[in-house]
Amino acid sequence: FRHPLMLAPVAFQQLAHPQAELATAEAANHLETGMIVSTLATRSLEDIAASTSQTKWFQLYFQQDKEFTLSLVRRAEQAGYSALVVTVDASLHGIRNRAQRAGFVLPEGVEAVNLKDRPPLPRQSFEPSQSVVFQGMMSEAPVWEDIRWLQKQTTLPIILKGILSPIDAVQARELGLAGVVVSNHGGRTLDCVPSSIEMLPVIREAVGTDFVVLYDGAVERGTDTFKALALGADLVCLGRPQFYALAVAGALGVAHLLRILREELEVTMSLAGTPTIESITSHSLQY
């Protein structure tokens, strides 16, 4: 990577700009930045891949139909994505009160185009003693056995996104996965979980130095990137800022965001006496 910044998977980017994910991909090209493309993109994963000359990974949500999940994987392979980022912390929506109060729904014409051919969800009836959540929505949520199944289906490296537990991170390493993304989904699935930055050093200590750990959460300045690298991240993923920048000025906005964050990181490194990424350690935050 040219620098330790990557664009996190952000869904429904057409909400922010008419060119949607294609504008983000253009910015990634100009600023030599890797991009993780969401399952819930508003442009086809093939079109986004064709627009991206930089490293591109595909973020995968497991679907209830395994064959359809596998079809997404095959499409990603054929389109040239070089890794799968499997989100495991959002098998169902959290209770998002602000969105509920606002009555938010997707506008007409904004949809997850890569899920257009998804088989209809089966209709279920529940006994009085059963839960719509546990016997319903969560009954098809991916478990470790599903990750093992995915490993057998593809040669692409697999990274688990949404890890906050060192126990889960160690199990991912022992399964032979390529890495984890320490993330709490922006606090949008469960609002009282620890922050990503709290759990980052704990997870790094648990998995050791030779396992890839990415960081996702509340990166707004170059100093935030520096802190995450010092606490054990190999790479920092940008979510909300990317969306805001896209809304302001499309591809130019995202490119400007990346330039600012990269320059801020370099200035911070200079003032902290750390001329290389490798020289940024936990001691850089203390003395």
C-alpha atoms as a PDB file:
ATOM      1  CA  PHE A   1       0.000   0.000   0.000  1.00  0.00           C
ATOM      2  CA  ARG A   2       1.130   3.549  -0.756  1.00  0.00           C
ATOM      3  CA  HIS A   3      -0.035   4.670   2.695  1.00  0.00           C
ATOM      4  CA  PRO A   4      -1.880   3.068   5.653  1.00  0.00           C
ATOM      5  CA  LEU A   5      -5.338   4.383   4.717  1.00  0.00           C
ATOM      6  CA  MET A   6      -8.105   2.402   3.046  1.00  0.00           C
ATOM      7  CA  LEU A   7     -11.725   3.202   2.166  1.00  0.00           C
ATOM      8  CA  ALA A   8     -14.052   1.129   4.334  1.00  0.00           C
ATOM      9  CA  PRO A   9     -17.173  -0.505   2.879  1.00  0.00           C
ATOM     10  CA  VAL A  10     -19.991   2.058   2.973  1.00  0.00           C
ATOM     11  CA  ALA A  11     -23.441   1.060   1.727  1.00  0.00           C
ATOM     12  CA  PHE A  12     -25.825   2.969  -0.536  1.00  0.00           C
ATOM     13  CA  GLN A  13     -23.397   5.672  -1.675  1.00  0.00           C
ATOM     14  CA  GLN A  14     -25.917   6.961  -4.202  1.00  0.00           C
ATOM     15  CA  LEU A  15     -27.579   8.617  -1.196  1.00  0.00           C
ATOM     16  CA  ALA A  16     -24.585  10.962  -1.081  1.00  0.00           C
ATOM     17  CA  HIS A  17     -23.835  11.552  -4.766  1.00  0.00           C
ATOM     18  CA  PRO A  18     -25.305  10.571  -8.165  1.00  0.00           C
ATOM     19  CA  GLN A  19     -22.051   8.880  -9.244  1.00  0.00           C
ATOM     20  CA  ALA A  20     -22.070   6.865  -6.031  1.00  0.00           C
ATOM     21  CA  GLU A  21     -19.339   4.229  -5.665  1.00  0.00           C
ATOM     22  CA  LEU A  22     -17.859   5.054  -9.071  1.00  0.00           C
ATOM     23  CA  ALA A  23     -16.889   8.510  -7.799  1.00  0.00           C
ATOM     24  CA  THR A  24     -15.290   6.962  -4.716  1.00  0.00           C
ATOM     25  CA  ALA A  25     -13.355   4.563  -6.930  1.00  0.00           C
ATOM     26  CA  GLU A  26     -12.074   7.495  -9.029  1.00  0.00           C
ATOM     27  CA  ALA A  27     -10.794   9.222  -5.897  1.00  0.00           C
ATOM     28  CA  ALA A  28      -9.131   6.011  -4.736  1.00  0.00           C
ATOM     29  CA  ASN A  29      -7.293   5.800  -8.056  1.00  0.00           C
ATOM     30  CA  HIS A  30      -5.926   9.330  -7.868  1.00  0.00           C
ATOM     31  CA  LEU A  31      -4.792   9.040  -4.239  1.00  0.00           C
ATOM     32  CA  GLU A  32      -3.456   5.471  -4.581  1.00  0.00           C
ATOM     33  CA  THR A  33      -5.843   4.144  -1.966  1.00  0.00           C
ATOM     34  CA  GLY A  34      -7.340   0.686  -1.556  1.00  0.00           C
ATOM     35  CA  MET A  35     -11.128   0.358  -1.552  1.00  0.00           C
ATOM     36  CA  ILE A  36     -13.436  -2.165   0.117  1.00  0.00           C
ATOM     37  CA  VAL A  37     -16.680  -2.418  -1.864  1.00  0.00           C
ATOM     38  CA  SER A  38     -19.898  -3.074   0.057  1.00  0.00           C
ATOM     39  CA  THR A  39     -22.351  -5.876  -0.720  1.00  0.00           C
ATOM     40  CA  LEU A  40     -24.947  -3.086  -0.428  1.00  0.00           C
ATOM     41  CA  ALA A  41     -23.370  -0.900  -3.105  1.00  0.00           C
ATOM     42  CA  THR A  42     -25.659   0.972  -5.490  1.00  0.00           C
ATOM     43  CA  ARG A  43     -23.480   0.122  -8.494  1.00  0.00           C
ATOM     44  CA  SER A  44     -22.611  -3.387  -9.634  1.00  0.00           C
ATOM     45  CA  LEU A  45     -19.491  -4.874  -8.138  1.00  0.00           C
ATOM     46  CA  GLU A  46     -18.249  -5.460 -11.684  1.00  0.00           C
ATOM     47  CA  ASP A  47     -18.638  -1.808 -12.700  1.00  0.00           C
ATOM     48  CA  ILE A  48     -16.872  -0.630  -9.557  1.00  0.00           C
ATOM     49  CA  ALA A  49     -14.042  -3.106 -10.122  1.00  0.00           C
ATOM     50  CA  ALA A  50     -13.627  -1.933 -13.707  1.00  0.00           C
ATOM     51  CA  SER A  51     -13.313   1.660 -12.429  1.00  0.00           C
ATOM     52  CA  THR A  52     -10.707   0.813  -9.792  1.00  0.00           C
ATOM     53  CA  SER A  53      -7.014   0.525 -10.606  1.00  0.00           C
ATOM     54  CA  GLN A  54      -5.995   0.251  -6.944  1.00  0.00           C
ATOM     55  CA  THR A  55      -6.313  -2.677  -4.541  1.00  0.00           C
ATOM     56  CA  LYS A  56      -9.954  -3.682  -4.273  1.00  0.00           C
ATOM     57  CA  TRP A  57     -11.545  -6.004  -1.732  1.00  0.00           C
ATOM     58  CA  PHE A  58     -15.168  -7.142  -1.595  1.00  0.00           C
ATOM     59  CA  GLN A  59     -17.116  -6.869   1.645  1.00  0.00           C
ATOM     60  CA  LEU A  60     -19.449  -9.847   1.961  1.00  0.00           C
ATOM     61  CA  TYR A  61     -22.647 -10.164   3.955  1.00  0.00           C
ATOM     62  CA  PHE A  62     -23.652 -13.808   4.205  1.00  0.00           C
ATOM     63  CA  GLN A  63     -27.075 -14.331   2.644  1.00  0.00           C
ATOM     64  CA  GLN A  64     -29.714 -16.784   3.841  1.00  0.00           C
ATOM     65  CA  ASP A  65     -29.253 -18.745   0.622  1.00  0.00           C
ATOM     66  CA  LYS A  66     -25.742 -20.222   0.534  1.00  0.00           C
ATOM     67  CA  GLU A  67     -25.789 -20.621  -3.218  1.00  0.00           C
ATOM     68  CA  PHE A  68     -26.521 -16.933  -3.603  1.00  0.00           C
ATOM     69  CA  THR A  69     -23.716 -16.113  -1.153  1.00  0.00           C
ATOM     70  CA  LEU A  70     -21.419 -18.244  -3.289  1.00  0.00           C
ATOM     71  CA  SER A  71     -22.573 -16.468  -6.451  1.00  0.00           C
ATOM     72  CA  LEU A  72     -21.435 -13.143  -4.943  1.00  0.00           C
ATOM     73  CA  VAL A  73     -18.046 -14.685  -4.163  1.00  0.00           C
ATOM     74  CA  ARG A  74     -17.679 -15.988  -7.716  1.00  0.00           C
ATOM     75  CA  ARG A  75     -18.591 -12.582  -9.150  1.00  0.00           C
ATOM     76  CA  ALA A  76     -15.992 -10.929  -6.925  1.00  0.00           C
ATOM     77  CA  GLU A  77     -13.335 -13.430  -8.000  1.00  0.00           C
ATOM     78  CA  GLN A  78     -14.080 -12.918 -11.681  1.00  0.00           C
ATOM     79  CA  ALA A  79     -14.124  -9.131 -11.335  1.00  0.00           C
ATOM     80  CA  GLY A  80     -10.627  -9.091  -9.874  1.00  0.00           C
ATOM     81  CA  TYR A  81     -11.176  -8.448  -6.177  1.00  0.00           C
ATOM     82  CA  SER A  82      -8.188  -9.691  -4.218  1.00  0.00           C
ATOM     83  CA  ALA A  83      -9.747 -10.397  -0.805  1.00  0.00           C
ATOM     84  CA  LEU A  84     -13.085 -10.964   0.922  1.00  0.00           C
ATOM     85  CA  VAL A  85     -13.984  -8.887   3.976  1.00  0.00           C
ATOM     86  CA  VAL A  86     -16.773 -10.757   5.780  1.00  0.00           C
ATOM     87  CA  THR A  87     -18.830  -8.604   8.146  1.00  0.00           C
ATOM     88  CA  VAL A  88     -19.855 -10.674  11.163  1.00  0.00           C
ATOM     89  CA  ASP A  89     -21.203  -8.118  13.638  1.00  0.00           C
ATOM     90  CA  ALA A  90     -24.441  -7.103  11.910  1.00  0.00           C
ATOM     91  CA  SER A  91     -26.535 -10.161  11.186  1.00  0.00           C
ATOM     92  CA  LEU A  92     -29.565  -8.006  11.913  1.00  0.00           C
ATOM     93  CA  HIS A  93     -30.098  -4.272  12.259  1.00  0.00           C
ATOM     94  CA  GLY A  94     -29.601  -2.664  15.621  1.00  0.00           C
ATOM     95  CA  ILE A  95     -32.353  -0.473  17.032  1.00  0.00           C
ATOM     96  CA  ARG A  96     -31.576   2.858  15.393  1.00  0.00           C
ATOM     97  CA  ASN A  97     -33.900   5.290  17.128  1.00  0.00           C
ATOM     98  CA  ARG A  98     -32.851   8.389  15.169  1.00  0.00           C
ATOM     99  CA  ALA A  99     -33.649   6.651  11.879  1.00  0.00           C
ATOM    100  CA  GLN A 100     -36.940   5.431  13.324  1.00  0.00           C
ATOM    101  CA  ARG A 101     -37.936   8.918  14.480  1.00  0.00           C
ATOM    102  CA  ALA A 102     -36.993  10.366  11.103  1.00  0.00           C
ATOM    103  CA  GLY A 103     -39.039   7.719   9.290  1.00  0.00           C
ATOM    104  CA  PHE A 104     -36.072   7.032   7.033  1.00  0.00           C
ATOM    105  CA  VAL A 105     -36.562   4.815   3.995  1.00  0.00           C
ATOM    106  CA  LEU A 106     -34.392   4.458   0.907  1.00  0.00           C
ATOM    107  CA  PRO A 107     -35.514   6.852  -1.842  1.00  0.00           C
ATOM    108  CA  GLU A 108     -36.890   5.400  -5.044  1.00  0.00           C
ATOM    109  CA  GLY A 109     -34.079   4.343  -7.369  1.00  0.00           C
ATOM    110  CA  VAL A 110     -31.568   3.710  -4.594  1.00  0.00           C
ATOM    111  CA  GLU A 111     -31.085  -0.015  -4.040  1.00  0.00           C
ATOM    112  CA  ALA A 112     -28.527  -2.730  -3.398  1.00  0.00           C
ATOM    113  CA  VAL A 113     -28.141  -3.691  -7.053  1.00  0.00           C
ATOM    114  CA  ASN A 114     -25.896  -6.688  -6.340  1.00  0.00           C
ATOM    115  CA  LEU A 115     -28.749  -8.351  -4.435  1.00  0.00           C
ATOM    116  CA  LYS A 116     -31.334  -7.940  -7.198  1.00  0.00           C
ATOM    117  CA  ASP A 117     -31.423 -11.659  -7.978  1.00  0.00           C
ATOM    118  CA  ARG A 118     -31.478 -12.774  -4.348  1.00  0.00           C
ATOM    119  CA  PRO A 119     -34.054 -15.519  -3.735  1.00  0.00           C
ATOM    120  CA  PRO A 120     -37.074 -14.366  -1.693  1.00  0.00           C
ATOM    121  CA  LEU A 121     -36.765 -14.937   2.027  1.00  0.00           C
ATOM    122  CA  PRO A 122     -38.833 -17.910   3.242  1.00  0.00           C
ATOM    123  CA  ARG A 123     -42.022 -17.107   5.094  1.00  0.00           C
ATOM    124  CA  GLN A 124     -41.959 -18.318   8.660  1.00  0.00           C
ATOM    125  CA  SER A 125     -44.571 -18.849  11.313  1.00  0.00           C
ATOM    126  CA  PHE A 126     -43.622 -18.981  14.951  1.00  0.00           C
ATOM    127  CA  GLU A 127     -44.963 -20.836  17.951  1.00  0.00           C
ATOM    128  CA  PRO A 128     -45.844 -18.688  20.990  1.00  0.00           C
ATOM    129  CA  SER A 129     -42.711 -19.970  22.736  1.00  0.00           C
ATOM    130  CA  GLN A 130     -40.446 -19.027  19.811  1.00  0.00           C
ATOM    131  CA  SER A 131     -38.662 -15.743  19.137  1.00  0.00           C
ATOM    132  CA  VAL A 132     -38.867 -13.851  15.854  1.00  0.00           C
ATOM    133  CA  VAL A 133     -35.253 -12.802  16.532  1.00  0.00           C
ATOM    134  CA  PHE A 134     -33.623 -16.069  17.656  1.00  0.00           C
ATOM    135  CA  GLN A 135     -35.679 -18.625  15.728  1.00  0.00           C
ATOM    136  CA  GLY A 136     -36.198 -16.174  12.881  1.00  0.00           C
ATOM    137  CA  MET A 137     -33.641 -13.586  11.805  1.00  0.00           C
ATOM    138  CA  MET A 138     -30.664 -15.034  13.692  1.00  0.00           C
ATOM    139  CA  SER A 139     -31.271 -18.657  12.723  1.00  0.00           C
ATOM    140  CA  GLU A 140     -29.321 -18.152   9.488  1.00  0.00           C
ATOM    141  CA  ALA A 141     -26.577 -15.890  10.880  1.00  0.00           C
ATOM    142  CA  PRO A 142     -23.063 -17.110   9.966  1.00  0.00           C
ATOM    143  CA  VAL A 143     -21.137 -19.074  12.575  1.00  0.00           C
ATOM    144  CA  TRP A 144     -17.564 -20.398  12.568  1.00  0.00           C
ATOM    145  CA  GLU A 145     -18.607 -23.430  10.540  1.00  0.00           C
ATOM    146  CA  ASP A 146     -19.846 -21.121   7.776  1.00  0.00           C
ATOM    147  CA  ILE A 147     -16.469 -19.370   7.708  1.00  0.00           C
ATOM    148  CA  ARG A 148     -14.796 -22.784   7.320  1.00  0.00           C
ATOM    149  CA  TRP A 149     -17.222 -23.533   4.475  1.00  0.00           C
ATOM    150  CA  LEU A 150     -16.291 -20.247   2.768  1.00  0.00           C
ATOM    151  CA  GLN A 151     -12.582 -21.072   3.068  1.00  0.00           C
ATOM    152  CA  LYS A 152     -13.219 -24.259   1.089  1.00  0.00           C
ATOM    153  CA  GLN A 153     -15.058 -22.366  -1.654  1.00  0.00           C
ATOM    154  CA  THR A 154     -12.448 -19.745  -2.530  1.00  0.00           C
ATOM    155  CA  THR A 155      -8.722 -19.131  -2.643  1.00  0.00           C
ATOM    156  CA  LEU A 156      -9.192 -15.432  -1.849  1.00  0.00           C
ATOM    157  CA  PRO A 157      -7.849 -14.295   1.535  1.00  0.00           C
ATOM    158  CA  ILE A 158     -10.654 -13.844   4.077  1.00  0.00           C
ATOM    159  CA  ILE A 159     -10.709 -11.032   6.635  1.00  0.00           C
ATOM    160  CA  LEU A 160     -13.357 -10.866   9.370  1.00  0.00           C
ATOM    161  CA  LYS A 161     -14.820  -7.402   9.986  1.00  0.00           C
ATOM    162  CA  GLY A 162     -16.528  -6.438  13.225  1.00  0.00           C
ATOM    163  CA  ILE A 163     -14.215  -8.105  15.747  1.00  0.00           C
ATOM    164  CA  LEU A 164     -14.118  -6.681  19.274  1.00  0.00           C
ATOM    165  CA  SER A 165     -13.213  -9.831  21.213  1.00  0.00           C
ATOM    166  CA  PRO A 166      -9.614 -11.048  21.506  1.00  0.00           C
ATOM    167  CA  ILE A 167     -11.014 -14.583  21.732  1.00  0.00           C
ATOM    168  CA  ASP A 168     -12.638 -14.212  18.298  1.00  0.00           C
ATOM    169  CA  ALA A 169      -9.492 -12.652  16.867  1.00  0.00           C
ATOM    170  CA  VAL A 170      -7.361 -15.563  18.089  1.00  0.00           C
ATOM    171  CA  GLN A 171      -9.829 -18.064  16.633  1.00  0.00           C
ATOM    172  CA  ALA A 172      -9.692 -16.243  13.283  1.00  0.00           C
ATOM    173  CA  ARG A 173      -5.902 -16.530  13.323  1.00  0.00           C
ATOM    174  CA  GLU A 174      -6.050 -20.227  14.245  1.00  0.00           C
ATOM    175  CA  LEU A 175      -8.467 -20.877  11.375  1.00  0.00           C
ATOM    176  CA  GLY A 176      -5.875 -19.494   8.979  1.00  0.00           C
ATOM    177  CA  LEU A 177      -7.804 -16.371   8.051  1.00  0.00           C
ATOM    178  CA  ALA A 178      -5.888 -13.443   6.591  1.00  0.00           C
ATOM    179  CA  GLY A 179      -6.777 -10.914   9.280  1.00  0.00           C
ATOM    180  CA  VAL A 180      -9.471  -9.066  11.216  1.00  0.00           C
ATOM    181  CA  VAL A 181     -10.968  -5.582  11.240  1.00  0.00           C
ATOM    182  CA  VAL A 182     -11.407  -4.236  14.754  1.00  0.00           C
ATOM    183  CA  SER A 183     -14.718  -2.412  14.429  1.00  0.00           C
ATOM    184  CA  ASN A 184     -17.948  -1.774  16.332  1.00  0.00           C
ATOM    185  CA  HIS A 185     -19.874  -0.908  13.147  1.00  0.00           C
ATOM    186  CA  GLY A 186     -19.791   2.767  14.047  1.00  0.00           C
ATOM    187  CA  GLY A 187     -21.864   2.058  17.167  1.00  0.00           C
ATOM    188  CA  ARG A 188     -24.849   1.485  14.872  1.00  0.00           C
ATOM    189  CA  THR A 189     -25.601  -2.141  15.752  1.00  0.00           C
ATOM    190  CA  LEU A 190     -25.237  -2.084  19.534  1.00  0.00           C
ATOM    191  CA  ASP A 191     -24.639   1.305  21.046  1.00  0.00           C
ATOM    192  CA  CYS A 192     -23.015   0.305  24.347  1.00  0.00           C
ATOM    193  CA  VAL A 193     -20.187  -1.898  23.092  1.00  0.00           C
ATOM    194  CA  PRO A 194     -16.581  -0.789  23.672  1.00  0.00           C
ATOM    195  CA  SER A 195     -15.043   1.548  21.154  1.00  0.00           C
ATOM    196  CA  SER A 196     -12.737   0.077  18.542  1.00  0.00           C
ATOM    197  CA  ILE A 197      -9.786   2.055  19.874  1.00  0.00           C
ATOM    198  CA  GLU A 198     -10.251   0.508  23.354  1.00  0.00           C
ATOM    199  CA  MET A 199     -10.132  -3.026  22.004  1.00  0.00           C
ATOM    200  CA  LEU A 200      -7.414  -2.537  19.395  1.00  0.00           C
ATOM    201  CA  PRO A 201      -4.370  -2.934  21.712  1.00  0.00           C
ATOM    202  CA  VAL A 202      -6.040  -5.846  23.526  1.00  0.00           C
ATOM    203  CA  ILE A 203      -6.610  -7.692  20.265  1.00  0.00           C
ATOM    204  CA  ARG A 204      -3.113  -6.922  18.972  1.00  0.00           C
ATOM    205  CA  GLU A 205      -1.596  -8.353  22.142  1.00  0.00           C
ATOM    206  CA  ALA A 206      -3.753 -11.483  21.836  1.00  0.00           C
ATOM    207  CA  VAL A 207      -2.901 -12.285  18.201  1.00  0.00           C
ATOM    208  CA  GLY A 208       0.768 -11.296  18.234  1.00  0.00           C
ATOM    209  CA  THR A 209       2.720  -9.207  15.788  1.00  0.00           C
ATOM    210  CA  ASP A 210       2.488 -11.386  12.675  1.00  0.00           C
ATOM    211  CA  PHE A 211      -1.286 -11.282  12.100  1.00  0.00           C
ATOM    212  CA  VAL A 212      -2.989  -8.561  10.064  1.00  0.00           C
ATOM    213  CA  VAL A 213      -5.145  -6.244  12.168  1.00  0.00           C
ATOM    214  CA  LEU A 214      -7.093  -3.445  10.498  1.00  0.00           C
ATOM    215  CA  TYR A 215      -8.818  -0.661  12.401  1.00  0.00           C
ATOM    216  CA  ASP A 216     -12.175   0.984  11.736  1.00  0.00           C
ATOM    217  CA  GLY A 217     -13.817   3.701  13.798  1.00  0.00           C
ATOM    218  CA  ALA A 218     -13.877   7.465  14.407  1.00  0.00           C
ATOM    219  CA  VAL A 219     -10.871   8.354  12.259  1.00  0.00           C
ATOM    220  CA  GLU A 220     -11.279  12.059  11.547  1.00  0.00           C
ATOM    221  CA  ARG A 221      -7.721  13.438  11.651  1.00  0.00           C
ATOM    222  CA  GLY A 222      -4.232  12.291  10.792  1.00  0.00           C
ATOM    223  CA  THR A 223      -3.556  12.124  14.534  1.00  0.00           C
ATOM    224  CA  ASP A 224      -6.324   9.491  14.818  1.00  0.00           C
ATOM    225  CA  THR A 225      -4.548   7.380  12.223  1.00  0.00           C
ATOM    226  CA  PHE A 226      -1.266   7.783  14.098  1.00  0.00           C
ATOM    227  CA  LYS A 227      -2.868   6.635  17.373  1.00  0.00           C
ATOM    228  CA  ALA A 228      -4.414   3.577  15.730  1.00  0.00           C
ATOM    229  CA  LEU A 229      -1.087   2.583  14.170  1.00  0.00           C
ATOM    230  CA  ALA A 230       0.643   3.077  17.523  1.00  0.00           C
ATOM    231  CA  LEU A 231      -1.900   0.828  19.248  1.00  0.00           C
ATOM    232  CA  GLY A 232      -1.402  -2.044  16.826  1.00  0.00           C
ATOM    233  CA  ALA A 233      -3.246  -1.426  13.563  1.00  0.00           C
ATOM    234  CA  ASP A 234      -1.572  -2.289  10.269  1.00  0.00           C
ATOM    235  CA  LEU A 235      -4.065  -0.231   8.277  1.00  0.00           C
ATOM    236  CA  VAL A 236      -6.841   2.243   9.044  1.00  0.00           C
ATOM    237  CA  CYS A 237     -10.223   2.148   7.285  1.00  0.00           C
ATOM    238  CA  LEU A 238     -12.287   5.298   6.665  1.00  0.00           C
ATOM    239  CA  GLY A 239     -16.073   5.071   6.797  1.00  0.00           C
ATOM    240  CA  ARG A 240     -18.232   8.095   7.642  1.00  0.00           C
ATOM    241  CA  PRO A 241     -15.690  10.736   6.486  1.00  0.00           C
ATOM    242  CA  GLN A 242     -15.661   9.128   3.055  1.00  0.00           C
ATOM    243  CA  PHE A 243     -19.449   9.466   2.845  1.00  0.00           C
ATOM    244  CA  TYR A 244     -19.411  13.102   3.977  1.00  0.00           C
ATOM    245  CA  ALA A 245     -16.705  13.997   1.474  1.00  0.00           C
ATOM    246  CA  LEU A 246     -18.598  12.229  -1.313  1.00  0.00           C
ATOM    247  CA  ALA A 247     -21.723  14.239  -0.462  1.00  0.00           C
ATOM    248  CA  VAL A 248     -19.825  17.542  -0.577  1.00  0.00           C
ATOM    249  CA  ALA A 249     -17.923  17.163  -3.839  1.00  0.00           C
ATOM    250  CA  GLY A 250     -18.097  13.662  -5.310  1.00  0.00           C
ATOM    251  CA  ALA A 251     -14.790  12.182  -6.445  1.00  0.00           C
ATOM    252  CA  LEU A 252     -12.982  15.451  -5.792  1.00  0.00           C
ATOM    253  CA  GLY A 253     -14.300  15.528  -2.237  1.00  0.00           C
ATOM    254  CA  VAL A 254     -13.106  12.006  -1.423  1.00  0.00           C
ATOM    255  CA  ALA A 255      -9.728  12.689  -3.041  1.00  0.00           C
ATOM    256  CA  HIS A 256      -9.358  15.889  -0.999  1.00  0.00           C
ATOM    257  CA  LEU A 257     -10.238  13.994   2.191  1.00  0.00           C
ATOM    258  CA  LEU A 258      -7.568  11.380   1.498  1.00  0.00           C
ATOM    259  CA  ARG A 259      -4.950  14.022   0.704  1.00  0.00           C
ATOM    260  CA  ILE A 260      -5.683  15.908   3.929  1.00  0.00           C
ATOM    261  CA  LEU A 261      -5.536  12.779   6.089  1.00  0.00           C
ATOM    262  CA  ARG A 262      -2.333  11.601   4.470  1.00  0.00           C
ATOM    263  CA  GLU A 263      -0.638  14.982   4.944  1.00  0.00           C
ATOM    264  CA  GLU A 264      -1.852  15.239   8.546  1.00  0.00           C
ATOM    265  CA  LEU A 265      -0.425  11.786   9.261  1.00  0.00           C
ATOM    266  CA  GLU A 266       2.937  12.731   7.757  1.00  0.00           C
ATOM    267  CA  VAL A 267       3.081  15.954   9.792  1.00  0.00           C
ATOM    268  CA  THR A 268       2.185  14.039  12.962  1.00  0.00           C
ATOM    269  CA  MET A 269       4.870  11.458  12.250  1.00  0.00           C
ATOM    270  CA  SER A 270       7.429  14.206  11.729  1.00  0.00           C
ATOM    271  CA  LEU A 271       6.566  16.013  14.960  1.00  0.00           C
ATOM    272  CA  ALA A 272       6.483  12.737  16.921  1.00  0.00           C
ATOM    273  CA  GLY A 273       9.948  11.732  15.717  1.00  0.00           C
ATOM    274  CA  THR A 274       8.714   8.699  13.777  1.00  0.00           C
ATOM    275  CA  PRO A 275      10.002   8.929  10.182  1.00  0.00           C
ATOM    276  CA  THR A 276       8.577   5.539   9.107  1.00  0.00           C
ATOM    277  CA  ILE A 277       5.378   3.581   9.735  1.00  0.00           C
ATOM    278  CA  GLU A 278       7.469   0.860  11.393  1.00  0.00           C
ATOM    279  CA  SER A 279       8.828   3.349  13.917  1.00  0.00           C
ATOM    280  CA  ILE A 280       5.328   4.150  15.239  1.00  0.00           C
ATOM    281  CA  THR A 281       4.847   2.056  18.403  1.00  0.00           C
ATOM    282  CA  SER A 282       2.877   2.310  21.621  1.00  0.00           C
ATOM    283  CA  HIS A 283       5.829   4.233  23.077  1.00  0.00           C
ATOM    284  CA  SER A 284       5.094   6.982  20.551  1.00  0.00           C
ATOM    285  CA  LEU A 285       2.003   7.862  22.589  1.00  0.00           C
ATOM    286  CA  GLN A 286       3.784   7.927  25.933  1.00  0.00           C
ATOM    287  CA  TYR A 287       7.278   9.419  25.676  1.00  0.00           C
END
